[in-house]
Amino acid sequence: MFIVSLTYISKMSEVDKHLEAHIQYLDKYYKLGIFLASGRKVPRNGGVILAKAENLDELEVILNNDPFKIHNLANYEITKFVPSKTVPKLAFLIK
């Protein structure tokens, strides 16, 4: 399991130009079961993605397809963690 923290490094006007493509990118990986949750940071200076990738290498390949990364709009910080306790509805996250 990974937490991906994006921090914008460009003007919001540039981010907004690529927002629809970014949403389509997210949708693709939701359908594949890789992305589990995502959303904007508050204040809006980036976003967060919760991902269930097999390993860091796989996740990095996926992130390289993000329009925000392709157009150098955000920095990405990846944190790997192993869930050990969840509410019952999220028990599938525990391996």
PDB file of N, CA and C in Angstrom:
ATOM      1  N   MET A   1       0.848  -1.165   0.000  1.00  0.00           N
ATOM      2  CA  MET A   1       0.000   0.000   0.000  1.00  0.00           C
ATOM      3  C   MET A   1       0.897   1.233   0.000  1.00  0.00           C
ATOM      4  N   PHE A   2       0.445   2.247  -0.724  1.00  0.00           N
ATOM      5  CA  PHE A   2       1.235   3.470  -0.851  1.00  0.00           C
ATOM      6  C   PHE A   2       0.342   4.698  -0.711  1.00  0.00           C
ATOM      7  N   ILE A   3       0.913   5.720  -0.097  1.00  0.00           N
ATOM      8  CA  ILE A   3       0.296   7.044  -0.096  1.00  0.00           C
ATOM      9  C   ILE A   3       1.161   7.907  -0.999  1.00  0.00           C
ATOM     10  N   VAL A   4       0.539   8.500  -2.003  1.00  0.00           N
ATOM     11  CA  VAL A   4       1.242   9.385  -2.933  1.00  0.00           C
ATOM     12  C   VAL A   4       0.764  10.805  -2.641  1.00  0.00           C
ATOM     13  N   SER A   5       1.701  11.664  -2.289  1.00  0.00           N
ATOM     14  CA  SER A   5       1.387  13.061  -2.008  1.00  0.00           C
ATOM     15  C   SER A   5       1.948  13.921  -3.131  1.00  0.00           C
ATOM     16  N   LEU A   6       1.053  14.582  -3.855  1.00  0.00           N
ATOM     17  CA  LEU A   6       1.456  15.477  -4.939  1.00  0.00           C
ATOM     18  C   LEU A   6       1.474  16.907  -4.408  1.00  0.00           C
ATOM     19  N   THR A   7       2.496  17.651  -4.779  1.00  0.00           N
ATOM     20  CA  THR A   7       2.570  19.071  -4.462  1.00  0.00           C
ATOM     21  C   THR A   7       2.807  19.820  -5.763  1.00  0.00           C
ATOM     22  N   TYR A   8       1.890  20.737  -6.059  1.00  0.00           N
ATOM     23  CA  TYR A   8       1.999  21.486  -7.310  1.00  0.00           C
ATOM     24  C   TYR A   8       3.245  22.361  -7.311  1.00  0.00           C
ATOM     25  N   ILE A   9       3.905  22.411  -8.468  1.00  0.00           N
ATOM     26  CA  ILE A   9       5.091  23.236  -8.636  1.00  0.00           C
ATOM     27  C   ILE A   9       4.903  24.232  -9.777  1.00  0.00           C
ATOM     28  N   SER A  10       3.666  24.388 -10.209  1.00  0.00           N
ATOM     29  CA  SER A  10       3.362  25.346 -11.272  1.00  0.00           C
ATOM     30  C   SER A  10       2.117  26.132 -10.882  1.00  0.00           C
ATOM     31  N   LYS A  11       1.763  27.085 -11.699  1.00  0.00           N
ATOM     32  CA  LYS A  11       0.588  27.910 -11.437  1.00  0.00           C
ATOM     33  C   LYS A  11      -0.670  27.057 -11.571  1.00  0.00           C
ATOM     34  N   MET A  12      -1.696  27.410 -10.793  1.00  0.00           N
ATOM     35  CA  MET A  12      -2.952  26.675 -10.843  1.00  0.00           C
ATOM     36  C   MET A  12      -3.577  26.735 -12.230  1.00  0.00           C
ATOM     37  N   SER A  13      -3.354  27.794 -12.956  1.00  0.00           N
ATOM     38  CA  SER A  13      -3.907  27.880 -14.315  1.00  0.00           C
ATOM     39  C   SER A  13      -3.340  26.765 -15.193  1.00  0.00           C
ATOM     40  N   GLU A  14      -2.090  26.407 -14.989  1.00  0.00           N
ATOM     41  CA  GLU A  14      -1.477  25.300 -15.745  1.00  0.00           C
ATOM     42  C   GLU A  14      -2.038  23.959 -15.267  1.00  0.00           C
ATOM     43  N   VAL A  15      -2.180  23.807 -13.958  1.00  0.00           N
ATOM     44  CA  VAL A  15      -2.760  22.575 -13.406  1.00  0.00           C
ATOM     45  C   VAL A  15      -4.168  22.376 -13.970  1.00  0.00           C
ATOM     46  N   ASP A  16      -4.964  23.435 -13.961  1.00  0.00           N
ATOM     47  CA  ASP A  16      -6.344  23.340 -14.432  1.00  0.00           C
ATOM     48  C   ASP A  16      -6.437  22.967 -15.912  1.00  0.00           C
ATOM     49  N   LYS A  17      -5.458  23.357 -16.708  1.00  0.00           N
ATOM     50  CA  LYS A  17      -5.456  22.998 -18.135  1.00  0.00           C
ATOM     51  C   LYS A  17      -5.376  21.483 -18.332  1.00  0.00           C
ATOM     52  N   HIS A  18      -4.774  20.792 -17.371  1.00  0.00           N
ATOM     53  CA  HIS A  18      -4.545  19.345 -17.498  1.00  0.00           C
ATOM     54  C   HIS A  18      -5.412  18.540 -16.534  1.00  0.00           C
ATOM     55  N   LEU A  19      -6.341  19.204 -15.860  1.00  0.00           N
ATOM     56  CA  LEU A  19      -7.155  18.527 -14.851  1.00  0.00           C
ATOM     57  C   LEU A  19      -8.030  17.426 -15.439  1.00  0.00           C
ATOM     58  N   GLU A  20      -8.670  17.672 -16.567  1.00  0.00           N
ATOM     59  CA  GLU A  20      -9.535  16.651 -17.169  1.00  0.00           C
ATOM     60  C   GLU A  20      -8.729  15.410 -17.563  1.00  0.00           C
ATOM     61  N   ALA A  21      -7.551  15.614 -18.128  1.00  0.00           N
ATOM     62  CA  ALA A  21      -6.689  14.476 -18.484  1.00  0.00           C
ATOM     63  C   ALA A  21      -6.237  13.730 -17.231  1.00  0.00           C
ATOM     64  N   HIS A  22      -5.972  14.464 -16.164  1.00  0.00           N
ATOM     65  CA  HIS A  22      -5.579  13.840 -14.897  1.00  0.00           C
ATOM     66  C   HIS A  22      -6.728  12.989 -14.346  1.00  0.00           C
ATOM     67  N   ILE A  23      -7.949  13.490 -14.440  1.00  0.00           N
ATOM     68  CA  ILE A  23      -9.118  12.745 -13.963  1.00  0.00           C
ATOM     69  C   ILE A  23      -9.297  11.463 -14.779  1.00  0.00           C
ATOM     70  N   GLN A  24      -9.119  11.538 -16.087  1.00  0.00           N
ATOM     71  CA  GLN A  24      -9.198  10.337 -16.932  1.00  0.00           C
ATOM     72  C   GLN A  24      -8.121   9.332 -16.552  1.00  0.00           C
ATOM     73  N   TYR A  25      -6.922   9.828 -16.265  1.00  0.00           N
ATOM     74  CA  TYR A  25      -5.813   8.982 -15.799  1.00  0.00           C
ATOM     75  C   TYR A  25      -6.208   8.285 -14.493  1.00  0.00           C
ATOM     76  N   LEU A  26      -6.746   9.042 -13.532  1.00  0.00           N
ATOM     77  CA  LEU A  26      -7.178   8.445 -12.265  1.00  0.00           C
ATOM     78  C   LEU A  26      -8.225   7.364 -12.502  1.00  0.00           C
ATOM     79  N   ASP A  27      -9.209   7.662 -13.348  1.00  0.00           N
ATOM     80  CA  ASP A  27     -10.286   6.710 -13.633  1.00  0.00           C
ATOM     81  C   ASP A  27      -9.743   5.385 -14.150  1.00  0.00           C
ATOM     82  N   LYS A  28      -8.745   5.449 -15.010  1.00  0.00           N
ATOM     83  CA  LYS A  28      -8.145   4.231 -15.562  1.00  0.00           C
ATOM     84  C   LYS A  28      -7.609   3.332 -14.447  1.00  0.00           C
ATOM     85  N   TYR A  29      -6.901   3.933 -13.497  1.00  0.00           N
ATOM     86  CA  TYR A  29      -6.283   3.122 -12.450  1.00  0.00           C
ATOM     87  C   TYR A  29      -7.259   2.748 -11.335  1.00  0.00           C
ATOM     88  N   TYR A  30      -8.357   3.484 -11.198  1.00  0.00           N
ATOM     89  CA  TYR A  30      -9.444   3.029 -10.324  1.00  0.00           C
ATOM     90  C   TYR A  30     -10.058   1.760 -10.904  1.00  0.00           C
ATOM     91  N   LYS A  31     -10.314   1.751 -12.211  1.00  0.00           N
ATOM     92  CA  LYS A  31     -10.917   0.579 -12.859  1.00  0.00           C
ATOM     93  C   LYS A  31     -10.025  -0.645 -12.746  1.00  0.00           C
ATOM     94  N   LEU A  32      -8.712  -0.428 -12.729  1.00  0.00           N
ATOM     95  CA  LEU A  32      -7.761  -1.530 -12.603  1.00  0.00           C
ATOM     96  C   LEU A  32      -7.563  -1.968 -11.148  1.00  0.00           C
ATOM     97  N   GLY A  33      -8.175  -1.242 -10.216  1.00  0.00           N
ATOM     98  CA  GLY A  33      -8.057  -1.599  -8.806  1.00  0.00           C
ATOM     99  C   GLY A  33      -6.774  -1.149  -8.147  1.00  0.00           C
ATOM    100  N   ILE A  34      -6.013  -0.298  -8.805  1.00  0.00           N
ATOM    101  CA  ILE A  34      -4.747   0.189  -8.247  1.00  0.00           C
ATOM    102  C   ILE A  34      -4.993   1.376  -7.312  1.00  0.00           C
ATOM    103  N   PHE A  35      -5.800   2.335  -7.751  1.00  0.00           N
ATOM    104  CA  PHE A  35      -6.109   3.502  -6.927  1.00  0.00           C
ATOM    105  C   PHE A  35      -7.363   3.218  -6.118  1.00  0.00           C
ATOM    106  N   LEU A  36      -7.304   3.536  -4.830  1.00  0.00           N
ATOM    107  CA  LEU A  36      -8.411   3.258  -3.919  1.00  0.00           C
ATOM    108  C   LEU A  36      -9.108   4.532  -3.446  1.00  0.00           C
ATOM    109  N   ALA A  37      -8.386   5.633  -3.394  1.00  0.00           N
ATOM    110  CA  ALA A  37      -8.951   6.919  -2.977  1.00  0.00           C
ATOM    111  C   ALA A  37      -8.015   8.016  -3.473  1.00  0.00           C
ATOM    112  N   SER A  38      -8.589   9.192  -3.720  1.00  0.00           N
ATOM    113  CA  SER A  38      -7.771  10.326  -4.124  1.00  0.00           C
ATOM    114  C   SER A  38      -8.547  11.602  -3.852  1.00  0.00           C
ATOM    115  N   GLY A  39      -7.828  12.700  -3.817  1.00  0.00           N
ATOM    116  CA  GLY A  39      -8.498  13.979  -3.610  1.00  0.00           C
ATOM    117  C   GLY A  39      -7.505  15.113  -3.467  1.00  0.00           C
ATOM    118  N   ARG A  40      -8.063  16.315  -3.428  1.00  0.00           N
ATOM    119  CA  ARG A  40      -7.263  17.531  -3.297  1.00  0.00           C
ATOM    120  C   ARG A  40      -6.814  17.741  -1.862  1.00  0.00           C
ATOM    121  N   LYS A  41      -5.657  18.363  -1.720  1.00  0.00           N
ATOM    122  CA  LYS A  41      -5.226  18.846  -0.416  1.00  0.00           C
ATOM    123  C   LYS A  41      -5.961  20.152  -0.127  1.00  0.00           C
ATOM    124  N   VAL A  42      -6.077  20.472   1.152  1.00  0.00           N
ATOM    125  CA  VAL A  42      -6.659  21.743   1.577  1.00  0.00           C
ATOM    126  C   VAL A  42      -5.628  22.425   2.452  1.00  0.00           C
ATOM    127  N   PRO A  43      -5.106  23.574   2.027  1.00  0.00           N
ATOM    128  CA  PRO A  43      -5.465  24.333   0.836  1.00  0.00           C
ATOM    129  C   PRO A  43      -5.051  23.584  -0.431  1.00  0.00           C
ATOM    130  N   ARG A  44      -5.587  24.026  -1.568  1.00  0.00           N
ATOM    131  CA  ARG A  44      -5.377  23.329  -2.849  1.00  0.00           C
ATOM    132  C   ARG A  44      -3.966  23.596  -3.389  1.00  0.00           C
ATOM    133  N   ASN A  45      -3.003  22.872  -2.822  1.00  0.00           N
ATOM    134  CA  ASN A  45      -1.624  22.978  -3.286  1.00  0.00           C
ATOM    135  C   ASN A  45      -1.101  21.637  -3.783  1.00  0.00           C
ATOM    136  N   GLY A  46      -2.034  20.696  -3.990  1.00  0.00           N
ATOM    137  CA  GLY A  46      -1.660  19.378  -4.466  1.00  0.00           C
ATOM    138  C   GLY A  46      -2.782  18.397  -4.205  1.00  0.00           C
ATOM    139  N   GLY A  47      -2.417  17.122  -4.157  1.00  0.00           N
ATOM    140  CA  GLY A  47      -3.408  16.084  -3.930  1.00  0.00           C
ATOM    141  C   GLY A  47      -2.783  14.862  -3.297  1.00  0.00           C
ATOM    142  N   VAL A  48      -3.634  13.892  -3.001  1.00  0.00           N
ATOM    143  CA  VAL A  48      -3.203  12.645  -2.372  1.00  0.00           C
ATOM    144  C   VAL A  48      -3.875  11.488  -3.099  1.00  0.00           C
ATOM    145  N   ILE A  49      -3.119  10.421  -3.315  1.00  0.00           N
ATOM    146  CA  ILE A  49      -3.652   9.192  -3.907  1.00  0.00           C
ATOM    147  C   ILE A  49      -3.292   8.033  -2.986  1.00  0.00           C
ATOM    148  N   LEU A  50      -4.261   7.208  -2.671  1.00  0.00           N
ATOM    149  CA  LEU A  50      -4.028   5.967  -1.949  1.00  0.00           C
ATOM    150  C   LEU A  50      -3.995   4.861  -2.997  1.00  0.00           C
ATOM    151  N   ALA A  51      -2.865   4.159  -3.086  1.00  0.00           N
ATOM    152  CA  ALA A  51      -2.672   3.177  -4.155  1.00  0.00           C
ATOM    153  C   ALA A  51      -2.294   1.815  -3.583  1.00  0.00           C
ATOM    154  N   LYS A  52      -2.823   0.785  -4.216  1.00  0.00           N
ATOM    155  CA  LYS A  52      -2.494  -0.590  -3.830  1.00  0.00           C
ATOM    156  C   LYS A  52      -1.769  -1.248  -5.001  1.00  0.00           C
ATOM    157  N   ALA A  53      -0.533  -0.836  -5.193  1.00  0.00           N
ATOM    158  CA  ALA A  53       0.304  -1.394  -6.254  1.00  0.00           C
ATOM    159  C   ALA A  53       1.085  -2.590  -5.703  1.00  0.00           C
ATOM    160  N   GLU A  54       1.543  -3.443  -6.604  1.00  0.00           N
ATOM    161  CA  GLU A  54       2.312  -4.619  -6.189  1.00  0.00           C
ATOM    162  C   GLU A  54       3.638  -4.243  -5.540  1.00  0.00           C
ATOM    163  N   ASN A  55       4.264  -3.184  -6.084  1.00  0.00           N
ATOM    164  CA  ASN A  55       5.555  -2.761  -5.554  1.00  0.00           C
ATOM    165  C   ASN A  55       5.836  -1.334  -6.012  1.00  0.00           C
ATOM    166  N   LEU A  56       6.905  -0.764  -5.505  1.00  0.00           N
ATOM    167  CA  LEU A  56       7.254   0.618  -5.819  1.00  0.00           C
ATOM    168  C   LEU A  56       7.553   0.806  -7.300  1.00  0.00           C
ATOM    169  N   ASP A  57       8.228  -0.154  -7.911  1.00  0.00           N
ATOM    170  CA  ASP A  57       8.543  -0.033  -9.339  1.00  0.00           C
ATOM    171  C   ASP A  57       7.273   0.076 -10.179  1.00  0.00           C
ATOM    172  N   GLU A  58       6.276  -0.764  -9.883  1.00  0.00           N
ATOM    173  CA  GLU A  58       5.013  -0.710 -10.611  1.00  0.00           C
ATOM    174  C   GLU A  58       4.341   0.650 -10.420  1.00  0.00           C
ATOM    175  N   LEU A  59       4.329   1.143  -9.188  1.00  0.00           N
ATOM    176  CA  LEU A  59       3.696   2.424  -8.912  1.00  0.00           C
ATOM    177  C   LEU A  59       4.398   3.562  -9.639  1.00  0.00           C
ATOM    178  N   GLU A  60       5.708   3.547  -9.664  1.00  0.00           N
ATOM    179  CA  GLU A  60       6.445   4.614 -10.354  1.00  0.00           C
ATOM    180  C   GLU A  60       6.140   4.633 -11.849  1.00  0.00           C
ATOM    181  N   VAL A  61       6.002   3.468 -12.463  1.00  0.00           N
ATOM    182  CA  VAL A  61       5.625   3.396 -13.881  1.00  0.00           C
ATOM    183  C   VAL A  61       4.239   4.015 -14.076  1.00  0.00           C
ATOM    184  N   ILE A  62       3.311   3.685 -13.182  1.00  0.00           N
ATOM    185  CA  ILE A  62       1.959   4.233 -13.258  1.00  0.00           C
ATOM    186  C   ILE A  62       1.984   5.749 -13.098  1.00  0.00           C
ATOM    187  N   LEU A  63       2.711   6.238 -12.114  1.00  0.00           N
ATOM    188  CA  LEU A  63       2.766   7.683 -11.864  1.00  0.00           C
ATOM    189  C   LEU A  63       3.406   8.440 -13.024  1.00  0.00           C
ATOM    190  N   ASN A  64       4.309   7.804 -13.735  1.00  0.00           N
ATOM    191  CA  ASN A  64       4.937   8.459 -14.882  1.00  0.00           C
ATOM    192  C   ASN A  64       3.948   8.723 -16.009  1.00  0.00           C
ATOM    193  N   ASN A  65       2.769   8.090 -15.956  1.00  0.00           N
ATOM    194  CA  ASN A  65       1.722   8.315 -16.957  1.00  0.00           C
ATOM    195  C   ASN A  65       0.768   9.440 -16.581  1.00  0.00           C
ATOM    196  N   ASP A  66       0.919   9.987 -15.387  1.00  0.00           N
ATOM    197  CA  ASP A  66       0.031  11.056 -14.929  1.00  0.00           C
ATOM    198  C   ASP A  66       0.324  12.335 -15.718  1.00  0.00           C
ATOM    199  N   PRO A  67      -0.687  12.950 -16.321  1.00  0.00           N
ATOM    200  CA  PRO A  67      -0.467  14.205 -17.047  1.00  0.00           C
ATOM    201  C   PRO A  67       0.203  15.284 -16.188  1.00  0.00           C
ATOM    202  N   PHE A  68      -0.066  15.279 -14.890  1.00  0.00           N
ATOM    203  CA  PHE A  68       0.591  16.250 -14.019  1.00  0.00           C
ATOM    204  C   PHE A  68       2.101  16.012 -13.979  1.00  0.00           C
ATOM    205  N   LYS A  69       2.512  14.752 -14.050  1.00  0.00           N
ATOM    206  CA  LYS A  69       3.947  14.431 -14.055  1.00  0.00           C
ATOM    207  C   LYS A  69       4.537  14.677 -15.445  1.00  0.00           C
ATOM    208  N   ILE A  70       3.814  14.264 -16.466  1.00  0.00           N
ATOM    209  CA  ILE A  70       4.285  14.442 -17.838  1.00  0.00           C
ATOM    210  C   ILE A  70       4.576  15.912 -18.130  1.00  0.00           C
ATOM    211  N   HIS A  71       3.714  16.797 -17.621  1.00  0.00           N
ATOM    212  CA  HIS A  71       3.856  18.230 -17.887  1.00  0.00           C
ATOM    213  C   HIS A  71       4.592  18.966 -16.768  1.00  0.00           C
ATOM    214  N   ASN A  72       5.230  18.209 -15.863  1.00  0.00           N
ATOM    215  CA  ASN A  72       6.042  18.767 -14.782  1.00  0.00           C
ATOM    216  C   ASN A  72       5.264  19.792 -13.953  1.00  0.00           C
ATOM    217  N   LEU A  73       4.054  19.402 -13.530  1.00  0.00           N
ATOM    218  CA  LEU A  73       3.200  20.286 -12.754  1.00  0.00           C
ATOM    219  C   LEU A  73       3.246  20.008 -11.261  1.00  0.00           C
ATOM    220  N   ALA A  74       3.777  18.839 -10.873  1.00  0.00           N
ATOM    221  CA  ALA A  74       3.768  18.464  -9.458  1.00  0.00           C
ATOM    222  C   ALA A  74       4.980  17.610  -9.112  1.00  0.00           C
ATOM    223  N   ASN A  75       5.372  17.708  -7.853  1.00  0.00           N
ATOM    224  CA  ASN A  75       6.338  16.780  -7.279  1.00  0.00           C
ATOM    225  C   ASN A  75       5.560  15.668  -6.592  1.00  0.00           C
ATOM    226  N   TYR A  76       6.145  14.484  -6.532  1.00  0.00           N
ATOM    227  CA  TYR A  76       5.486  13.308  -5.971  1.00  0.00           C
ATOM    228  C   TYR A  76       6.320  12.760  -4.819  1.00  0.00           C
ATOM    229  N   GLU A  77       5.681  12.585  -3.672  1.00  0.00           N
ATOM    230  CA  GLU A  77       6.314  11.929  -2.530  1.00  0.00           C
ATOM    231  C   GLU A  77       5.546  10.645  -2.270  1.00  0.00           C
ATOM    232  N   ILE A  78       6.260   9.532  -2.237  1.00  0.00           N
ATOM    233  CA  ILE A  78       5.633   8.219  -2.076  1.00  0.00           C
ATOM    234  C   ILE A  78       6.007   7.653  -0.711  1.00  0.00           C
ATOM    235  N   THR A  79       4.993   7.234   0.043  1.00  0.00           N
ATOM    236  CA  THR A  79       5.202   6.589   1.332  1.00  0.00           C
ATOM    237  C   THR A  79       4.589   5.200   1.272  1.00  0.00           C
ATOM    238  N   LYS A  80       5.406   4.192   1.525  1.00  0.00           N
ATOM    239  CA  LYS A  80       4.900   2.819   1.586  1.00  0.00           C
ATOM    240  C   LYS A  80       4.500   2.517   3.023  1.00  0.00           C
ATOM    241  N   PHE A  81       3.360   1.851   3.184  1.00  0.00           N
ATOM    242  CA  PHE A  81       2.977   1.420   4.519  1.00  0.00           C
ATOM    243  C   PHE A  81       2.225   0.101   4.440  1.00  0.00           C
ATOM    244  N   VAL A  82       2.208  -0.599   5.552  1.00  0.00           N
ATOM    245  CA  VAL A  82       1.534  -1.887   5.649  1.00  0.00           C
ATOM    246  C   VAL A  82       0.378  -1.729   6.633  1.00  0.00           C
ATOM    247  N   PRO A  83      -0.850  -1.701   6.138  1.00  0.00           N
ATOM    248  CA  PRO A  83      -1.987  -1.586   7.050  1.00  0.00           C
ATOM    249  C   PRO A  83      -2.062  -2.804   7.976  1.00  0.00           C
ATOM    250  N   SER A  84      -2.229  -2.540   9.248  1.00  0.00           N
ATOM    251  CA  SER A  84      -2.346  -3.648  10.200  1.00  0.00           C
ATOM    252  C   SER A  84      -3.698  -3.661  10.905  1.00  0.00           C
ATOM    253  N   LYS A  85      -4.463  -2.585  10.759  1.00  0.00           N
ATOM    254  CA  LYS A  85      -5.776  -2.511  11.380  1.00  0.00           C
ATOM    255  C   LYS A  85      -6.648  -1.568  10.550  1.00  0.00           C
ATOM    256  N   THR A  86      -7.908  -1.949  10.345  1.00  0.00           N
ATOM    257  CA  THR A  86      -8.846  -1.124   9.589  1.00  0.00           C
ATOM    258  C   THR A  86     -10.254  -1.304  10.165  1.00  0.00           C
ATOM    259  N   VAL A  87     -11.161  -0.465   9.725  1.00  0.00           N
ATOM    260  CA  VAL A  87     -12.580  -0.715   9.982  1.00  0.00           C
ATOM    261  C   VAL A  87     -12.969  -1.922   9.119  1.00  0.00           C
ATOM    262  N   PRO A  88     -14.013  -2.625   9.467  1.00  0.00           N
ATOM    263  CA  PRO A  88     -14.381  -3.840   8.719  1.00  0.00           C
ATOM    264  C   PRO A  88     -14.524  -3.621   7.214  1.00  0.00           C
ATOM    265  N   LYS A  89     -15.059  -2.505   6.766  1.00  0.00           N
ATOM    266  CA  LYS A  89     -15.260  -2.276   5.342  1.00  0.00           C
ATOM    267  C   LYS A  89     -13.946  -2.179   4.562  1.00  0.00           C
ATOM    268  N   LEU A  90     -12.843  -1.899   5.273  1.00  0.00           N
ATOM    269  CA  LEU A  90     -11.550  -1.781   4.585  1.00  0.00           C
ATOM    270  C   LEU A  90     -10.620  -2.952   4.891  1.00  0.00           C
ATOM    271  N   ALA A  91     -11.156  -4.035   5.420  1.00  0.00           N
ATOM    272  CA  ALA A  91     -10.342  -5.194   5.771  1.00  0.00           C
ATOM    273  C   ALA A  91      -9.573  -5.757   4.593  1.00  0.00           C
ATOM    274  N   PHE A  92     -10.077  -5.548   3.370  1.00  0.00           N
ATOM    275  CA  PHE A  92      -9.389  -6.045   2.173  1.00  0.00           C
ATOM    276  C   PHE A  92      -8.008  -5.414   1.995  1.00  0.00           C
ATOM    277  N   LEU A  93      -7.734  -4.314   2.686  1.00  0.00           N
ATOM    278  CA  LEU A  93      -6.429  -3.660   2.570  1.00  0.00           C
ATOM    279  C   LEU A  93      -5.326  -4.409   3.310  1.00  0.00           C
ATOM    280  N   ILE A  94      -5.709  -5.252   4.244  1.00  0.00           N
ATOM    281  CA  ILE A  94      -4.724  -5.983   5.035  1.00  0.00           C
ATOM    282  C   ILE A  94      -4.364  -7.261   4.311  1.00  0.00           C
ATOM    283  N   LYS A  95      -3.087  -7.455   4.091  1.00  0.00           N
ATOM    284  CA  LYS A  95      -2.624  -8.684   3.428  1.00  0.00           C
ATOM    285  C   LYS A  95      -2.399  -9.768   4.425  1.00  0.00           C
TER     286      LYS A  95
END
